[in-house]
C-alpha atoms as a PDB file:
ATOM      1  CA  UNK A   1     -24.431 -20.469  -9.033  1.00  0.00           C
ATOM      2  CA  UNK A   2     -21.723 -21.326  -6.473  1.00  0.00           C
ATOM      3  CA  UNK A   3     -19.697 -24.445  -6.387  1.00  0.00           C
ATOM      4  CA  UNK A   4     -18.276 -26.124  -3.406  1.00  0.00           C
ATOM      5  CA  UNK A   5     -14.590 -26.742  -4.500  1.00  0.00           C
ATOM      6  CA  UNK A   6     -14.052 -29.021  -1.597  1.00  0.00           C
ATOM      7  CA  UNK A   7     -17.112 -31.247  -2.439  1.00  0.00           C
ATOM      8  CA  UNK A   8     -16.130 -31.434  -6.171  1.00  0.00           C
ATOM      9  CA  UNK A   9     -12.515 -32.349  -5.202  1.00  0.00           C
ATOM     10  CA  UNK A  10     -13.790 -35.133  -2.812  1.00  0.00           C
ATOM     11  CA  UNK A  11     -16.152 -36.299  -5.462  1.00  0.00           C
ATOM     12  CA  UNK A  12     -13.553 -36.354  -8.190  1.00  0.00           C
ATOM     13  CA  UNK A  13     -11.180 -38.178  -5.923  1.00  0.00           C
ATOM     14  CA  UNK A  14     -13.720 -40.821  -5.236  1.00  0.00           C
ATOM     15  CA  UNK A  15     -14.577 -41.403  -8.836  1.00  0.00           C
ATOM     16  CA  UNK A  16     -10.790 -41.604  -9.661  1.00  0.00           C
ATOM     17  CA  UNK A  17     -10.171 -44.144  -6.930  1.00  0.00           C
ATOM     18  CA  UNK A  18     -13.286 -46.287  -7.975  1.00  0.00           C
ATOM     19  CA  UNK A  19     -12.115 -46.182 -11.590  1.00  0.00           C
ATOM     20  CA  UNK A  20      -8.641 -47.161 -10.679  1.00  0.00           C
ATOM     21  CA  UNK A  21      -9.930 -50.324  -8.703  1.00  0.00           C
ATOM     22  CA  UNK A  22     -12.231 -51.171 -11.517  1.00  0.00           C
ATOM     23  CA  UNK A  23      -9.341 -51.067 -14.150  1.00  0.00           C
ATOM     24  CA  UNK A  24      -7.081 -52.956 -11.746  1.00  0.00           C
ATOM     25  CA  UNK A  25      -9.496 -55.700 -11.313  1.00  0.00           C
ATOM     26  CA  UNK A  26     -10.273 -56.028 -14.979  1.00  0.00           C
ATOM     27  CA  UNK A  27      -6.666 -56.176 -16.014  1.00  0.00           C
ATOM     28  CA  UNK A  28      -5.937 -58.748 -13.318  1.00  0.00           C
ATOM     29  CA  UNK A  29      -8.847 -60.882 -14.377  1.00  0.00           C
ATOM     30  CA  UNK A  30      -7.849 -60.670 -17.865  1.00  0.00           C
ATOM     31  CA  UNK A  31      -4.306 -61.679 -17.431  1.00  0.00           C
ATOM     32  CA  UNK A  32      -5.402 -64.595 -15.516  1.00  0.00           C
ATOM     33  CA  UNK A  33      -7.608 -66.089 -18.102  1.00  0.00           C
ATOM     34  CA  UNK A  34      -6.983 -68.962 -20.340  1.00  0.00           C
ATOM     35  CA  UNK A  35      -7.256 -68.003 -24.029  1.00  0.00           C
ATOM     36  CA  UNK A  36      -7.823 -70.476 -26.974  1.00  0.00           C
ATOM     37  CA  UNK A  37      -7.285 -73.334 -24.657  1.00  0.00           C
ATOM     38  CA  UNK A  38      -3.756 -71.904 -23.743  1.00  0.00           C
ATOM     39  CA  UNK A  39      -3.460 -71.426 -19.956  1.00  0.00           C
ATOM     40  CA  UNK A  40      -2.374 -67.998 -18.564  1.00  0.00           C
ATOM     41  CA  UNK A  41       1.496 -67.838 -18.524  1.00  0.00           C
ATOM     42  CA  UNK A  42       2.043 -70.413 -21.129  1.00  0.00           C
ATOM     43  CA  UNK A  43       3.253 -70.178 -24.817  1.00  0.00           C
ATOM     44  CA  UNK A  44       1.032 -72.525 -26.906  1.00  0.00           C
ATOM     45  CA  UNK A  45       1.577 -74.022 -30.363  1.00  0.00           C
ATOM     46  CA  UNK A  46      -1.338 -75.172 -32.567  1.00  0.00           C
ATOM     47  CA  UNK A  47      -0.936 -77.264 -35.733  1.00  0.00           C
ATOM     48  CA  UNK A  48      -1.816 -75.254 -38.859  1.00  0.00           C
ATOM     49  CA  UNK A  49      -2.576 -71.626 -39.261  1.00  0.00           C
ATOM     50  CA  UNK A  50      -5.653 -71.610 -36.765  1.00  0.00           C
ATOM     51  CA  UNK A  51      -6.574 -72.462 -33.247  1.00  0.00           C
ATOM     52  CA  UNK A  52      -7.117 -76.211 -33.715  1.00  0.00           C
ATOM     53  CA  UNK A  53     -10.358 -75.969 -31.962  1.00  0.00           C
ATOM     54  CA  UNK A  54      -8.720 -74.463 -29.041  1.00  0.00           C
ATOM     55  CA  UNK A  55      -6.548 -77.477 -28.476  1.00  0.00           C
ATOM     56  CA  UNK A  56      -2.796 -76.703 -28.338  1.00  0.00           C
ATOM     57  CA  UNK A  57      -0.504 -79.454 -29.305  1.00  0.00           C
ATOM     58  CA  UNK A  58       2.289 -78.217 -27.173  1.00  0.00           C
ATOM     59  CA  UNK A  59       2.491 -75.841 -24.214  1.00  0.00           C
ATOM     60  CA  UNK A  60       5.605 -74.362 -22.507  1.00  0.00           C
ATOM     61  CA  UNK A  61       5.401 -72.557 -19.159  1.00  0.00           C
ATOM     62  CA  UNK A  62       9.043 -71.865 -17.624  1.00  0.00           C
ATOM     63  CA  UNK A  63      11.340 -69.128 -18.668  1.00  0.00           C
ATOM     64  CA  UNK A  64      14.311 -70.761 -20.533  1.00  0.00           C
ATOM     65  CA  UNK A  65      15.357 -72.676 -23.822  1.00  0.00           C
ATOM     66  CA  UNK A  66      13.416 -75.598 -25.318  1.00  0.00           C
ATOM     67  CA  UNK A  67      14.847 -77.719 -28.072  1.00  0.00           C
ATOM     68  CA  UNK A  68      12.105 -78.843 -30.489  1.00  0.00           C
ATOM     69  CA  UNK A  69      11.809 -82.122 -32.426  1.00  0.00           C
ATOM     70  CA  UNK A  70       9.384 -83.271 -35.093  1.00  0.00           C
ATOM     71  CA  UNK A  71       7.812 -79.892 -35.846  1.00  0.00           C
ATOM     72  CA  UNK A  72       7.411 -79.201 -39.469  1.00  0.00           C
ATOM     73  CA  UNK A  73       5.216 -76.947 -41.424  1.00  0.00           C
ATOM     74  CA  UNK A  74       3.114 -74.069 -40.270  1.00  0.00           C
ATOM     75  CA  UNK A  75       2.073 -73.746 -36.582  1.00  0.00           C
ATOM     76  CA  UNK A  76       0.246 -70.857 -34.687  1.00  0.00           C
ATOM     77  CA  UNK A  77       2.263 -69.862 -31.849  1.00  0.00           C
ATOM     78  CA  UNK A  78       0.378 -67.852 -29.142  1.00  0.00           C
ATOM     79  CA  UNK A  79       2.286 -66.156 -26.300  1.00  0.00           C
ATOM     80  CA  UNK A  80      -0.222 -66.089 -23.503  1.00  0.00           C
ATOM     81  CA  UNK A  81       2.478 -65.288 -20.887  1.00  0.00           C
ATOM     82  CA  UNK A  82       1.969 -62.517 -18.421  1.00  0.00           C
ATOM     83  CA  UNK A  83       4.042 -59.471 -17.205  1.00  0.00           C
ATOM     84  CA  UNK A  84       5.435 -58.558 -20.697  1.00  0.00           C
ATOM     85  CA  UNK A  85       7.370 -61.805 -21.333  1.00  0.00           C
ATOM     86  CA  UNK A  86       8.545 -62.590 -24.724  1.00  0.00           C
ATOM     87  CA  UNK A  87       9.083 -65.673 -26.801  1.00  0.00           C
ATOM     88  CA  UNK A  88      11.453 -66.308 -29.640  1.00  0.00           C
ATOM     89  CA  UNK A  89      12.030 -68.892 -32.270  1.00  0.00           C
ATOM     90  CA  UNK A  90      15.757 -70.057 -32.929  1.00  0.00           C
ATOM     91  CA  UNK A  91      17.073 -71.898 -36.246  1.00  0.00           C
ATOM     92  CA  UNK A  92      19.810 -73.564 -33.885  1.00  0.00           C
ATOM     93  CA  UNK A  93      19.463 -75.709 -30.904  1.00  0.00           C
ATOM     94  CA  UNK A  94      19.970 -74.436 -27.364  1.00  0.00           C
ATOM     95  CA  UNK A  95      18.657 -70.937 -28.254  1.00  0.00           C
ATOM     96  CA  UNK A  96      21.130 -70.026 -30.989  1.00  0.00           C
ATOM     97  CA  UNK A  97      20.228 -68.129 -34.108  1.00  0.00           C
ATOM     98  CA  UNK A  98      17.079 -66.594 -32.485  1.00  0.00           C
ATOM     99  CA  UNK A  99      14.765 -64.210 -34.531  1.00  0.00           C
ATOM    100  CA  UNK A 100      12.602 -61.355 -33.218  1.00  0.00           C
ATOM    101  CA  UNK A 101      10.273 -61.397 -30.202  1.00  0.00           C
ATOM    102  CA  UNK A 102       6.704 -62.335 -29.782  1.00  0.00           C
ATOM    103  CA  UNK A 103       5.168 -60.053 -27.211  1.00  0.00           C
ATOM    104  CA  UNK A 104       2.786 -61.245 -24.521  1.00  0.00           C
ATOM    105  CA  UNK A 105      -0.799 -61.471 -25.858  1.00  0.00           C
ATOM    106  CA  UNK A 106       0.234 -61.979 -29.479  1.00  0.00           C
ATOM    107  CA  UNK A 107       0.329 -64.788 -31.951  1.00  0.00           C
ATOM    108  CA  UNK A 108       1.937 -65.667 -35.291  1.00  0.00           C
ATOM    109  CA  UNK A 109       1.511 -68.282 -37.860  1.00  0.00           C
ATOM    110  CA  UNK A 110       4.945 -69.627 -38.688  1.00  0.00           C
ATOM    111  CA  UNK A 111       6.832 -72.262 -40.637  1.00  0.00           C
ATOM    112  CA  UNK A 112       8.505 -74.319 -37.956  1.00  0.00           C
ATOM    113  CA  UNK A 113      10.446 -76.552 -40.410  1.00  0.00           C
ATOM    114  CA  UNK A 114      13.744 -74.568 -40.002  1.00  0.00           C
ATOM    115  CA  UNK A 115      13.171 -73.833 -36.346  1.00  0.00           C
ATOM    116  CA  UNK A 116      15.050 -76.023 -33.809  1.00  0.00           C
ATOM    117  CA  UNK A 117      14.429 -74.292 -30.546  1.00  0.00           C
ATOM    118  CA  UNK A 118      12.503 -71.488 -28.705  1.00  0.00           C
ATOM    119  CA  UNK A 119      13.275 -69.289 -25.682  1.00  0.00           C
ATOM    120  CA  UNK A 120      10.763 -67.863 -23.144  1.00  0.00           C
ATOM    121  CA  UNK A 121      12.132 -64.645 -21.590  1.00  0.00           C
ATOM    122  CA  UNK A 122      11.030 -62.331 -18.868  1.00  0.00           C
END
């Protein structure tokens, strides 16, 4: 049985191109979606260690530092930013004493009592 190498190469290239388009579309659509009531590109806070019926109590959108007030006890923090942006919690005001990084697409349940600011970073 003979195979036409040119036909196989063209067919494989078409399959690869189609798969690339499908994957690109799926990734773009996923990145543009809101999740648990948190708009794409935002960092959202939910009171307690749950999703609060998909109703965040605070949302933050722009890169920078945010000083917090009146946030005590456990909150679920969801980083729904895009493009690999991170979020940090800080024990001091104006972004001082920051701890770890919460990657895009991840959440954490955190005691916010000692936290006084957060940073959103590209």
